[in-house]
Amino acid sequence: MIKVSVMYPNGKDVEFNANYYKTKHLPMVVNALGDALKGLELDLGIASRVPGEPAPYVAIAHLKFNDIESFQASFAPHAKTFAADVVNYSNVQGELQISELITF
């Protein structure tokens, strides 16, 4: 299994509408990806390891797939739509990382 993490960096001028992301963007993604998507988690950053400093990421979405091929096949047809929606919830682009998911 793999995990695709979309990480939105935090910073001084970063804007992120978590409500829109949770109620509009992520449901659109879930609907578009269909059965290829095996799970979804959302982390909303609240702090860093240094007390009083903001979290390094304002939000991180974790999408789970069986393999890279199923991610690519389900995501590619909708990539432009997903990217075009970013202006509705943030002024920063997410950084994408694909990881092998190992559970203990």
PDB file of N, CA and C in Angstrom:
ATOM      1  N   MET A   1       0.843  -1.176   0.000  1.00  0.00           N
ATOM      2  CA  MET A   1       0.000   0.000   0.000  1.00  0.00           C
ATOM      3  C   MET A   1       0.885   1.234   0.000  1.00  0.00           C
ATOM      4  N   ILE A   2       0.380   2.306  -0.639  1.00  0.00           N
ATOM      5  CA  ILE A   2       1.125   3.563  -0.655  1.00  0.00           C
ATOM      6  C   ILE A   2       0.272   4.671  -0.047  1.00  0.00           C
ATOM      7  N   LYS A   3       0.974   5.720   0.359  1.00  0.00           N
ATOM      8  CA  LYS A   3       0.310   6.908   0.881  1.00  0.00           C
ATOM      9  C   LYS A   3       0.796   8.098   0.071  1.00  0.00           C
ATOM     10  N   VAL A   4      -0.152   8.865  -0.453  1.00  0.00           N
ATOM     11  CA  VAL A   4       0.157  10.103  -1.160  1.00  0.00           C
ATOM     12  C   VAL A   4      -0.153  11.238  -0.197  1.00  0.00           C
ATOM     13  N   SER A   5       0.871  11.975   0.185  1.00  0.00           N
ATOM     14  CA  SER A   5       0.700  13.083   1.128  1.00  0.00           C
ATOM     15  C   SER A   5       0.795  14.400   0.371  1.00  0.00           C
ATOM     16  N   VAL A   6      -0.212  15.237   0.563  1.00  0.00           N
ATOM     17  CA  VAL A   6      -0.209  16.581  -0.013  1.00  0.00           C
ATOM     18  C   VAL A   6      -0.046  17.532   1.158  1.00  0.00           C
ATOM     19  N   MET A   7       1.125  18.190   1.213  1.00  0.00           N
ATOM     20  CA  MET A   7       1.505  18.989   2.373  1.00  0.00           C
ATOM     21  C   MET A   7       1.513  20.468   2.008  1.00  0.00           C
ATOM     22  N   TYR A   8       0.770  21.251   2.738  1.00  0.00           N
ATOM     23  CA  TYR A   8       0.664  22.687   2.493  1.00  0.00           C
ATOM     24  C   TYR A   8       1.546  23.423   3.489  1.00  0.00           C
ATOM     25  N   PRO A   9       2.676  23.987   3.025  1.00  0.00           N
ATOM     26  CA  PRO A   9       3.613  24.666   3.927  1.00  0.00           C
ATOM     27  C   PRO A   9       2.965  25.851   4.630  1.00  0.00           C
ATOM     28  N   ASN A  10       3.323  26.027   5.884  1.00  0.00           N
ATOM     29  CA  ASN A  10       2.842  27.154   6.667  1.00  0.00           C
ATOM     30  C   ASN A  10       3.835  28.295   6.521  1.00  0.00           C
ATOM     31  N   GLY A  11       3.408  29.494   6.792  1.00  0.00           N
ATOM     32  CA  GLY A  11       4.282  30.652   6.725  1.00  0.00           C
ATOM     33  C   GLY A  11       3.534  31.912   7.093  1.00  0.00           C
ATOM     34  N   LYS A  12       4.267  32.996   7.128  1.00  0.00           N
ATOM     35  CA  LYS A  12       3.737  34.278   7.577  1.00  0.00           C
ATOM     36  C   LYS A  12       2.487  34.709   6.801  1.00  0.00           C
ATOM     37  N   ASP A  13       2.497  34.602   5.500  1.00  0.00           N
ATOM     38  CA  ASP A  13       1.393  35.103   4.682  1.00  0.00           C
ATOM     39  C   ASP A  13       0.507  33.998   4.122  1.00  0.00           C
ATOM     40  N   VAL A  14       0.612  32.806   4.675  1.00  0.00           N
ATOM     41  CA  VAL A  14      -0.163  31.681   4.169  1.00  0.00           C
ATOM     42  C   VAL A  14      -1.621  31.805   4.600  1.00  0.00           C
ATOM     43  N   GLU A  15      -2.493  31.595   3.634  1.00  0.00           N
ATOM     44  CA  GLU A  15      -3.927  31.546   3.907  1.00  0.00           C
ATOM     45  C   GLU A  15      -4.406  30.140   3.567  1.00  0.00           C
ATOM     46  N   PHE A  16      -5.246  29.574   4.428  1.00  0.00           N
ATOM     47  CA  PHE A  16      -5.774  28.232   4.195  1.00  0.00           C
ATOM     48  C   PHE A  16      -7.166  28.148   4.804  1.00  0.00           C
ATOM     49  N   ASN A  17      -8.158  27.906   3.966  1.00  0.00           N
ATOM     50  CA  ASN A  17      -9.544  27.797   4.415  1.00  0.00           C
ATOM     51  C   ASN A  17      -9.830  26.317   4.684  1.00  0.00           C
ATOM     52  N   ALA A  18      -9.633  25.903   5.927  1.00  0.00           N
ATOM     53  CA  ALA A  18      -9.790  24.497   6.288  1.00  0.00           C
ATOM     54  C   ALA A  18     -11.226  24.027   6.098  1.00  0.00           C
ATOM     55  N   ASN A  19     -12.196  24.891   6.345  1.00  0.00           N
ATOM     56  CA  ASN A  19     -13.586  24.504   6.180  1.00  0.00           C
ATOM     57  C   ASN A  19     -13.883  24.160   4.718  1.00  0.00           C
ATOM     58  N   TYR A  20     -13.447  25.000   3.795  1.00  0.00           N
ATOM     59  CA  TYR A  20     -13.654  24.716   2.370  1.00  0.00           C
ATOM     60  C   TYR A  20     -12.937  23.420   1.995  1.00  0.00           C
ATOM     61  N   TYR A  21     -11.718  23.274   2.461  1.00  0.00           N
ATOM     62  CA  TYR A  21     -10.924  22.087   2.130  1.00  0.00           C
ATOM     63  C   TYR A  21     -11.635  20.815   2.601  1.00  0.00           C
ATOM     64  N   LYS A  22     -12.176  20.850   3.824  1.00  0.00           N
ATOM     65  CA  LYS A  22     -12.850  19.676   4.401  1.00  0.00           C
ATOM     66  C   LYS A  22     -14.210  19.409   3.768  1.00  0.00           C
ATOM     67  N   THR A  23     -14.959  20.465   3.461  1.00  0.00           N
ATOM     68  CA  THR A  23     -16.343  20.267   3.020  1.00  0.00           C
ATOM     69  C   THR A  23     -16.542  20.310   1.512  1.00  0.00           C
ATOM     70  N   LYS A  24     -15.591  20.851   0.785  1.00  0.00           N
ATOM     71  CA  LYS A  24     -15.745  20.965  -0.676  1.00  0.00           C
ATOM     72  C   LYS A  24     -14.641  20.228  -1.445  1.00  0.00           C
ATOM     73  N   HIS A  25     -13.375  20.585  -1.163  1.00  0.00           N
ATOM     74  CA  HIS A  25     -12.276  20.036  -1.958  1.00  0.00           C
ATOM     75  C   HIS A  25     -12.094  18.532  -1.737  1.00  0.00           C
ATOM     76  N   LEU A  26     -11.935  18.116  -0.492  1.00  0.00           N
ATOM     77  CA  LEU A  26     -11.700  16.694  -0.243  1.00  0.00           C
ATOM     78  C   LEU A  26     -12.869  15.814  -0.694  1.00  0.00           C
ATOM     79  N   PRO A  27     -14.122  16.202  -0.463  1.00  0.00           N
ATOM     80  CA  PRO A  27     -15.209  15.385  -1.009  1.00  0.00           C
ATOM     81  C   PRO A  27     -15.173  15.276  -2.535  1.00  0.00           C
ATOM     82  N   MET A  28     -14.766  16.352  -3.221  1.00  0.00           N
ATOM     83  CA  MET A  28     -14.617  16.299  -4.670  1.00  0.00           C
ATOM     84  C   MET A  28     -13.546  15.274  -5.054  1.00  0.00           C
ATOM     85  N   VAL A  29     -12.435  15.285  -4.340  1.00  0.00           N
ATOM     86  CA  VAL A  29     -11.349  14.345  -4.601  1.00  0.00           C
ATOM     87  C   VAL A  29     -11.820  12.909  -4.359  1.00  0.00           C
ATOM     88  N   VAL A  30     -12.456  12.665  -3.248  1.00  0.00           N
ATOM     89  CA  VAL A  30     -12.953  11.325  -2.909  1.00  0.00           C
ATOM     90  C   VAL A  30     -13.885  10.820  -4.000  1.00  0.00           C
ATOM     91  N   ASN A  31     -14.809  11.651  -4.425  1.00  0.00           N
ATOM     92  CA  ASN A  31     -15.758  11.273  -5.459  1.00  0.00           C
ATOM     93  C   ASN A  31     -15.055  10.960  -6.779  1.00  0.00           C
ATOM     94  N   ALA A  32     -14.101  11.780  -7.151  1.00  0.00           N
ATOM     95  CA  ALA A  32     -13.395  11.601  -8.429  1.00  0.00           C
ATOM     96  C   ALA A  32     -12.517  10.351  -8.442  1.00  0.00           C
ATOM     97  N   LEU A  33     -11.874  10.046  -7.324  1.00  0.00           N
ATOM     98  CA  LEU A  33     -10.936   8.921  -7.282  1.00  0.00           C
ATOM     99  C   LEU A  33     -11.645   7.572  -7.167  1.00  0.00           C
ATOM    100  N   GLY A  34     -12.849   7.584  -6.661  1.00  0.00           N
ATOM    101  CA  GLY A  34     -13.648   6.363  -6.597  1.00  0.00           C
ATOM    102  C   GLY A  34     -13.011   5.268  -5.759  1.00  0.00           C
ATOM    103  N   ASP A  35     -13.185   4.024  -6.226  1.00  0.00           N
ATOM    104  CA  ASP A  35     -12.734   2.855  -5.470  1.00  0.00           C
ATOM    105  C   ASP A  35     -11.214   2.722  -5.383  1.00  0.00           C
ATOM    106  N   ALA A  36     -10.478   3.462  -6.199  1.00  0.00           N
ATOM    107  CA  ALA A  36      -9.015   3.404  -6.133  1.00  0.00           C
ATOM    108  C   ALA A  36      -8.508   3.954  -4.803  1.00  0.00           C
ATOM    109  N   LEU A  37      -9.245   4.922  -4.238  1.00  0.00           N
ATOM    110  CA  LEU A  37      -8.878   5.516  -2.965  1.00  0.00           C
ATOM    111  C   LEU A  37      -9.275   4.574  -1.834  1.00  0.00           C
ATOM    112  N   LYS A  38      -8.305   4.156  -1.044  1.00  0.00           N
ATOM    113  CA  LYS A  38      -8.541   3.197   0.039  1.00  0.00           C
ATOM    114  C   LYS A  38      -8.653   3.840   1.412  1.00  0.00           C
ATOM    115  N   GLY A  39      -8.337   5.103   1.513  1.00  0.00           N
ATOM    116  CA  GLY A  39      -8.441   5.796   2.787  1.00  0.00           C
ATOM    117  C   GLY A  39      -7.967   7.221   2.648  1.00  0.00           C
ATOM    118  N   LEU A  40      -8.435   8.081   3.536  1.00  0.00           N
ATOM    119  CA  LEU A  40      -8.069   9.497   3.514  1.00  0.00           C
ATOM    120  C   LEU A  40      -8.023  10.008   4.943  1.00  0.00           C
ATOM    121  N   GLU A  41      -6.964  10.722   5.257  1.00  0.00           N
ATOM    122  CA  GLU A  41      -6.828  11.365   6.564  1.00  0.00           C
ATOM    123  C   GLU A  41      -6.393  12.798   6.335  1.00  0.00           C
ATOM    124  N   LEU A  42      -6.826  13.692   7.202  1.00  0.00           N
ATOM    125  CA  LEU A  42      -6.436  15.094   7.128  1.00  0.00           C
ATOM    126  C   LEU A  42      -5.823  15.506   8.453  1.00  0.00           C
ATOM    127  N   ASP A  43      -4.610  16.052   8.382  1.00  0.00           N
ATOM    128  CA  ASP A  43      -3.943  16.637   9.547  1.00  0.00           C
ATOM    129  C   ASP A  43      -3.998  18.152   9.397  1.00  0.00           C
ATOM    130  N   LEU A  44      -4.490  18.846  10.409  1.00  0.00           N
ATOM    131  CA  LEU A  44      -4.451  20.310  10.434  1.00  0.00           C
ATOM    132  C   LEU A  44      -3.422  20.716  11.476  1.00  0.00           C
ATOM    133  N   GLY A  45      -2.362  21.386  11.021  1.00  0.00           N
ATOM    134  CA  GLY A  45      -1.255  21.739  11.905  1.00  0.00           C
ATOM    135  C   GLY A  45      -1.667  22.708  12.994  1.00  0.00           C
ATOM    136  N   ILE A  46      -1.247  22.414  14.213  1.00  0.00           N
ATOM    137  CA  ILE A  46      -1.572  23.294  15.342  1.00  0.00           C
ATOM    138  C   ILE A  46      -0.332  23.785  16.100  1.00  0.00           C
ATOM    139  N   ALA A  47       0.804  23.114  15.921  1.00  0.00           N
ATOM    140  CA  ALA A  47       2.014  23.527  16.641  1.00  0.00           C
ATOM    141  C   ALA A  47       3.228  22.829  16.037  1.00  0.00           C
ATOM    142  N   SER A  48       4.396  23.286  16.452  1.00  0.00           N
ATOM    143  CA  SER A  48       5.640  22.632  16.051  1.00  0.00           C
ATOM    144  C   SER A  48       6.319  22.086  17.298  1.00  0.00           C
ATOM    145  N   ARG A  49       7.521  21.574  17.129  1.00  0.00           N
ATOM    146  CA  ARG A  49       8.215  21.032  18.306  1.00  0.00           C
ATOM    147  C   ARG A  49       8.727  22.130  19.227  1.00  0.00           C
ATOM    148  N   VAL A  50       8.779  23.366  18.714  1.00  0.00           N
ATOM    149  CA  VAL A  50       9.217  24.496  19.529  1.00  0.00           C
ATOM    150  C   VAL A  50       7.968  25.215  20.061  1.00  0.00           C
ATOM    151  N   PRO A  51       7.798  25.263  21.372  1.00  0.00           N
ATOM    152  CA  PRO A  51       6.613  25.909  21.941  1.00  0.00           C
ATOM    153  C   PRO A  51       6.448  27.341  21.417  1.00  0.00           C
ATOM    154  N   GLY A  52       5.223  27.661  21.029  1.00  0.00           N
ATOM    155  CA  GLY A  52       4.919  28.999  20.553  1.00  0.00           C
ATOM    156  C   GLY A  52       5.135  29.217  19.068  1.00  0.00           C
ATOM    157  N   GLU A  53       5.806  28.303  18.398  1.00  0.00           N
ATOM    158  CA  GLU A  53       6.014  28.435  16.956  1.00  0.00           C
ATOM    159  C   GLU A  53       4.914  27.688  16.216  1.00  0.00           C
ATOM    160  N   PRO A  54       4.521  28.207  15.041  1.00  0.00           N
ATOM    161  CA  PRO A  54       3.467  27.533  14.281  1.00  0.00           C
ATOM    162  C   PRO A  54       3.947  26.220  13.681  1.00  0.00           C
ATOM    163  N   ALA A  55       2.997  25.375  13.329  1.00  0.00           N
ATOM    164  CA  ALA A  55       3.311  24.099  12.671  1.00  0.00           C
ATOM    165  C   ALA A  55       3.975  24.366  11.325  1.00  0.00           C
ATOM    166  N   PRO A  56       4.894  23.508  10.902  1.00  0.00           N
ATOM    167  CA  PRO A  56       5.557  23.710   9.609  1.00  0.00           C
ATOM    168  C   PRO A  56       4.602  23.561   8.422  1.00  0.00           C
ATOM    169  N   TYR A  57       3.519  22.814   8.608  1.00  0.00           N
ATOM    170  CA  TYR A  57       2.514  22.643   7.563  1.00  0.00           C
ATOM    171  C   TYR A  57       1.161  23.029   8.125  1.00  0.00           C
ATOM    172  N   VAL A  58       0.418  23.825   7.368  1.00  0.00           N
ATOM    173  CA  VAL A  58      -0.909  24.231   7.804  1.00  0.00           C
ATOM    174  C   VAL A  58      -1.886  23.064   7.681  1.00  0.00           C
ATOM    175  N   ALA A  59      -1.653  22.200   6.690  1.00  0.00           N
ATOM    176  CA  ALA A  59      -2.491  21.020   6.506  1.00  0.00           C
ATOM    177  C   ALA A  59      -1.723  19.973   5.719  1.00  0.00           C
ATOM    178  N   ILE A  60      -2.042  18.712   5.996  1.00  0.00           N
ATOM    179  CA  ILE A  60      -1.489  17.587   5.240  1.00  0.00           C
ATOM    180  C   ILE A  60      -2.625  16.602   5.008  1.00  0.00           C
ATOM    181  N   ALA A  61      -2.879  16.302   3.748  1.00  0.00           N
ATOM    182  CA  ALA A  61      -3.863  15.276   3.402  1.00  0.00           C
ATOM    183  C   ALA A  61      -3.103  14.008   3.035  1.00  0.00           C
ATOM    184  N   HIS A  62      -3.541  12.886   3.576  1.00  0.00           N
ATOM    185  CA  HIS A  62      -2.922  11.593   3.307  1.00  0.00           C
ATOM    186  C   HIS A  62      -3.951  10.718   2.584  1.00  0.00           C
ATOM    187  N   LEU A  63      -3.642  10.350   1.357  1.00  0.00           N
ATOM    188  CA  LEU A  63      -4.532   9.518   0.546  1.00  0.00           C
ATOM    189  C   LEU A  63      -3.877   8.159   0.365  1.00  0.00           C
ATOM    190  N   LYS A  64      -4.619   7.087   0.601  1.00  0.00           N
ATOM    191  CA  LYS A  64      -4.058   5.740   0.532  1.00  0.00           C
ATOM    192  C   LYS A  64      -4.571   5.012  -0.707  1.00  0.00           C
ATOM    193  N   PHE A  65      -3.644   4.310  -1.364  1.00  0.00           N
ATOM    194  CA  PHE A  65      -3.925   3.536  -2.568  1.00  0.00           C
ATOM    195  C   PHE A  65      -3.209   2.198  -2.469  1.00  0.00           C
ATOM    196  N   ASN A  66      -3.667   1.230  -3.240  1.00  0.00           N
ATOM    197  CA  ASN A  66      -2.990  -0.067  -3.257  1.00  0.00           C
ATOM    198  C   ASN A  66      -1.578   0.032  -3.803  1.00  0.00           C
ATOM    199  N   ASP A  67      -1.394   0.854  -4.847  1.00  0.00           N
ATOM    200  CA  ASP A  67      -0.086   0.966  -5.494  1.00  0.00           C
ATOM    201  C   ASP A  67      -0.016   2.261  -6.294  1.00  0.00           C
ATOM    202  N   ILE A  68       1.178   2.578  -6.789  1.00  0.00           N
ATOM    203  CA  ILE A  68       1.381   3.813  -7.555  1.00  0.00           C
ATOM    204  C   ILE A  68       0.535   3.812  -8.823  1.00  0.00           C
ATOM    205  N   GLU A  69       0.423   2.666  -9.459  1.00  0.00           N
ATOM    206  CA  GLU A  69      -0.335   2.602 -10.709  1.00  0.00           C
ATOM    207  C   GLU A  69      -1.806   2.976 -10.505  1.00  0.00           C
ATOM    208  N   SER A  70      -2.417   2.488  -9.437  1.00  0.00           N
ATOM    209  CA  SER A  70      -3.822   2.833  -9.194  1.00  0.00           C
ATOM    210  C   SER A  70      -3.978   4.306  -8.824  1.00  0.00           C
ATOM    211  N   PHE A  71      -2.991   4.860  -8.109  1.00  0.00           N
ATOM    212  CA  PHE A  71      -3.002   6.300  -7.833  1.00  0.00           C
ATOM    213  C   PHE A  71      -2.941   7.082  -9.138  1.00  0.00           C
ATOM    214  N   GLN A  72      -1.961   6.772  -9.966  1.00  0.00           N
ATOM    215  CA  GLN A  72      -1.774   7.518 -11.209  1.00  0.00           C
ATOM    216  C   GLN A  72      -2.985   7.402 -12.132  1.00  0.00           C
ATOM    217  N   ALA A  73      -3.531   6.216 -12.260  1.00  0.00           N
ATOM    218  CA  ALA A  73      -4.668   6.004 -13.156  1.00  0.00           C
ATOM    219  C   ALA A  73      -5.913   6.753 -12.687  1.00  0.00           C
ATOM    220  N   SER A  74      -6.116   6.839 -11.377  1.00  0.00           N
ATOM    221  CA  SER A  74      -7.306   7.513 -10.858  1.00  0.00           C
ATOM    222  C   SER A  74      -7.116   9.022 -10.736  1.00  0.00           C
ATOM    223  N   PHE A  75      -5.897   9.456 -10.464  1.00  0.00           N
ATOM    224  CA  PHE A  75      -5.616  10.868 -10.197  1.00  0.00           C
ATOM    225  C   PHE A  75      -5.408  11.677 -11.479  1.00  0.00           C
ATOM    226  N   ALA A  76      -4.673  11.122 -12.421  1.00  0.00           N
ATOM    227  CA  ALA A  76      -4.276  11.868 -13.628  1.00  0.00           C
ATOM    228  C   ALA A  76      -5.440  12.517 -14.372  1.00  0.00           C
ATOM    229  N   PRO A  77      -6.565  11.829 -14.585  1.00  0.00           N
ATOM    230  CA  PRO A  77      -7.654  12.463 -15.332  1.00  0.00           C
ATOM    231  C   PRO A  77      -8.262  13.689 -14.640  1.00  0.00           C
ATOM    232  N   HIS A  78      -8.009  13.838 -13.340  1.00  0.00           N
ATOM    233  CA  HIS A  78      -8.616  14.918 -12.566  1.00  0.00           C
ATOM    234  C   HIS A  78      -7.601  15.930 -12.039  1.00  0.00           C
ATOM    235  N   ALA A  79      -6.334  15.739 -12.340  1.00  0.00           N
ATOM    236  CA  ALA A  79      -5.270  16.569 -11.761  1.00  0.00           C
ATOM    237  C   ALA A  79      -5.488  18.057 -12.023  1.00  0.00           C
ATOM    238  N   LYS A  80      -5.870  18.425 -13.233  1.00  0.00           N
ATOM    239  CA  LYS A  80      -6.076  19.843 -13.556  1.00  0.00           C
ATOM    240  C   LYS A  80      -7.246  20.424 -12.766  1.00  0.00           C
ATOM    241  N   THR A  81      -8.305  19.648 -12.592  1.00  0.00           N
ATOM    242  CA  THR A  81      -9.463  20.106 -11.813  1.00  0.00           C
ATOM    243  C   THR A  81      -9.073  20.316 -10.361  1.00  0.00           C
ATOM    244  N   PHE A  82      -8.344  19.353  -9.798  1.00  0.00           N
ATOM    245  CA  PHE A  82      -7.897  19.486  -8.413  1.00  0.00           C
ATOM    246  C   PHE A  82      -7.015  20.725  -8.243  1.00  0.00           C
ATOM    247  N   ALA A  83      -6.069  20.914  -9.159  1.00  0.00           N
ATOM    248  CA  ALA A  83      -5.145  22.053  -9.081  1.00  0.00           C
ATOM    249  C   ALA A  83      -5.876  23.381  -9.229  1.00  0.00           C
ATOM    250  N   ALA A  84      -6.872  23.427 -10.102  1.00  0.00           N
ATOM    251  CA  ALA A  84      -7.618  24.670 -10.326  1.00  0.00           C
ATOM    252  C   ALA A  84      -8.420  25.077  -9.100  1.00  0.00           C
ATOM    253  N   ASP A  85      -8.766  24.132  -8.245  1.00  0.00           N
ATOM    254  CA  ASP A  85      -9.572  24.424  -7.063  1.00  0.00           C
ATOM    255  C   ASP A  85      -8.754  25.009  -5.922  1.00  0.00           C
ATOM    256  N   VAL A  86      -7.436  24.933  -5.988  1.00  0.00           N
ATOM    257  CA  VAL A  86      -6.576  25.418  -4.902  1.00  0.00           C
ATOM    258  C   VAL A  86      -6.873  26.880  -4.577  1.00  0.00           C
ATOM    259  N   VAL A  87      -7.137  27.709  -5.577  1.00  0.00           N
ATOM    260  CA  VAL A  87      -7.390  29.137  -5.338  1.00  0.00           C
ATOM    261  C   VAL A  87      -8.599  29.367  -4.434  1.00  0.00           C
ATOM    262  N   ASN A  88      -9.456  28.368  -4.316  1.00  0.00           N
ATOM    263  CA  ASN A  88     -10.643  28.495  -3.469  1.00  0.00           C
ATOM    264  C   ASN A  88     -10.362  28.264  -1.984  1.00  0.00           C
ATOM    265  N   TYR A  89      -9.175  27.728  -1.657  1.00  0.00           N
ATOM    266  CA  TYR A  89      -8.900  27.461  -0.248  1.00  0.00           C
ATOM    267  C   TYR A  89      -7.513  27.868   0.225  1.00  0.00           C
ATOM    268  N   SER A  90      -6.583  28.178  -0.684  1.00  0.00           N
ATOM    269  CA  SER A  90      -5.242  28.537  -0.211  1.00  0.00           C
ATOM    270  C   SER A  90      -4.484  29.384  -1.225  1.00  0.00           C
ATOM    271  N   ASN A  91      -3.502  30.095  -0.722  1.00  0.00           N
ATOM    272  CA  ASN A  91      -2.614  30.867  -1.588  1.00  0.00           C
ATOM    273  C   ASN A  91      -1.250  30.183  -1.738  1.00  0.00           C
ATOM    274  N   VAL A  92      -1.151  28.925  -1.296  1.00  0.00           N
ATOM    275  CA  VAL A  92       0.071  28.140  -1.484  1.00  0.00           C
ATOM    276  C   VAL A  92      -0.280  26.812  -2.155  1.00  0.00           C
ATOM    277  N   GLN A  93       0.660  26.300  -2.916  1.00  0.00           N
ATOM    278  CA  GLN A  93       0.499  24.994  -3.555  1.00  0.00           C
ATOM    279  C   GLN A  93       0.990  23.912  -2.601  1.00  0.00           C
ATOM    280  N   GLY A  94       0.323  22.792  -2.618  1.00  0.00           N
ATOM    281  CA  GLY A  94       0.740  21.670  -1.802  1.00  0.00           C
ATOM    282  C   GLY A  94       1.942  20.959  -2.407  1.00  0.00           C
ATOM    283  N   GLU A  95       2.782  20.435  -1.543  1.00  0.00           N
ATOM    284  CA  GLU A  95       3.907  19.596  -1.956  1.00  0.00           C
ATOM    285  C   GLU A  95       3.438  18.155  -1.882  1.00  0.00           C
ATOM    286  N   LEU A  96       3.697  17.370  -2.928  1.00  0.00           N
ATOM    287  CA  LEU A  96       3.207  15.997  -2.977  1.00  0.00           C
ATOM    288  C   LEU A  96       4.350  15.021  -2.763  1.00  0.00           C
ATOM    289  N   GLN A  97       4.115  14.045  -1.903  1.00  0.00           N
ATOM    290  CA  GLN A  97       5.086  12.969  -1.672  1.00  0.00           C
ATOM    291  C   GLN A  97       4.355  11.651  -1.694  1.00  0.00           C
ATOM    292  N   ILE A  98       4.945  10.675  -2.387  1.00  0.00           N
ATOM    293  CA  ILE A  98       4.418   9.314  -2.413  1.00  0.00           C
ATOM    294  C   ILE A  98       5.332   8.456  -1.544  1.00  0.00           C
ATOM    295  N   SER A  99       4.711   7.744  -0.611  1.00  0.00           N
ATOM    296  CA  SER A  99       5.486   6.926   0.338  1.00  0.00           C
ATOM    297  C   SER A  99       4.961   5.498   0.357  1.00  0.00           C
ATOM    298  N   GLU A 100       5.863   4.587   0.635  1.00  0.00           N
ATOM    299  CA  GLU A 100       5.442   3.225   0.927  1.00  0.00           C
ATOM    300  C   GLU A 100       4.888   3.232   2.340  1.00  0.00           C
ATOM    301  N   LEU A 101       3.715   2.662   2.510  1.00  0.00           N
ATOM    302  CA  LEU A 101       3.061   2.667   3.818  1.00  0.00           C
ATOM    303  C   LEU A 101       3.406   1.370   4.553  1.00  0.00           C
ATOM    304  N   ILE A 102       4.081   1.524   5.676  1.00  0.00           N
ATOM    305  CA  ILE A 102       4.469   0.379   6.503  1.00  0.00           C
ATOM    306  C   ILE A 102       3.806   0.555   7.857  1.00  0.00           C
ATOM    307  N   THR A 103       3.041  -0.421   8.272  1.00  0.00           N
ATOM    308  CA  THR A 103       2.386  -0.333   9.572  1.00  0.00           C
ATOM    309  C   THR A 103       2.975  -1.376  10.506  1.00  0.00           C
ATOM    310  N   PHE A 104       2.954  -1.082  11.792  1.00  0.00           N
ATOM    311  CA  PHE A 104       3.510  -1.980  12.804  1.00  0.00           C
ATOM    312  C   PHE A 104       2.404  -2.436  13.726  1.00  0.00           C
TER     313      PHE A 104
END
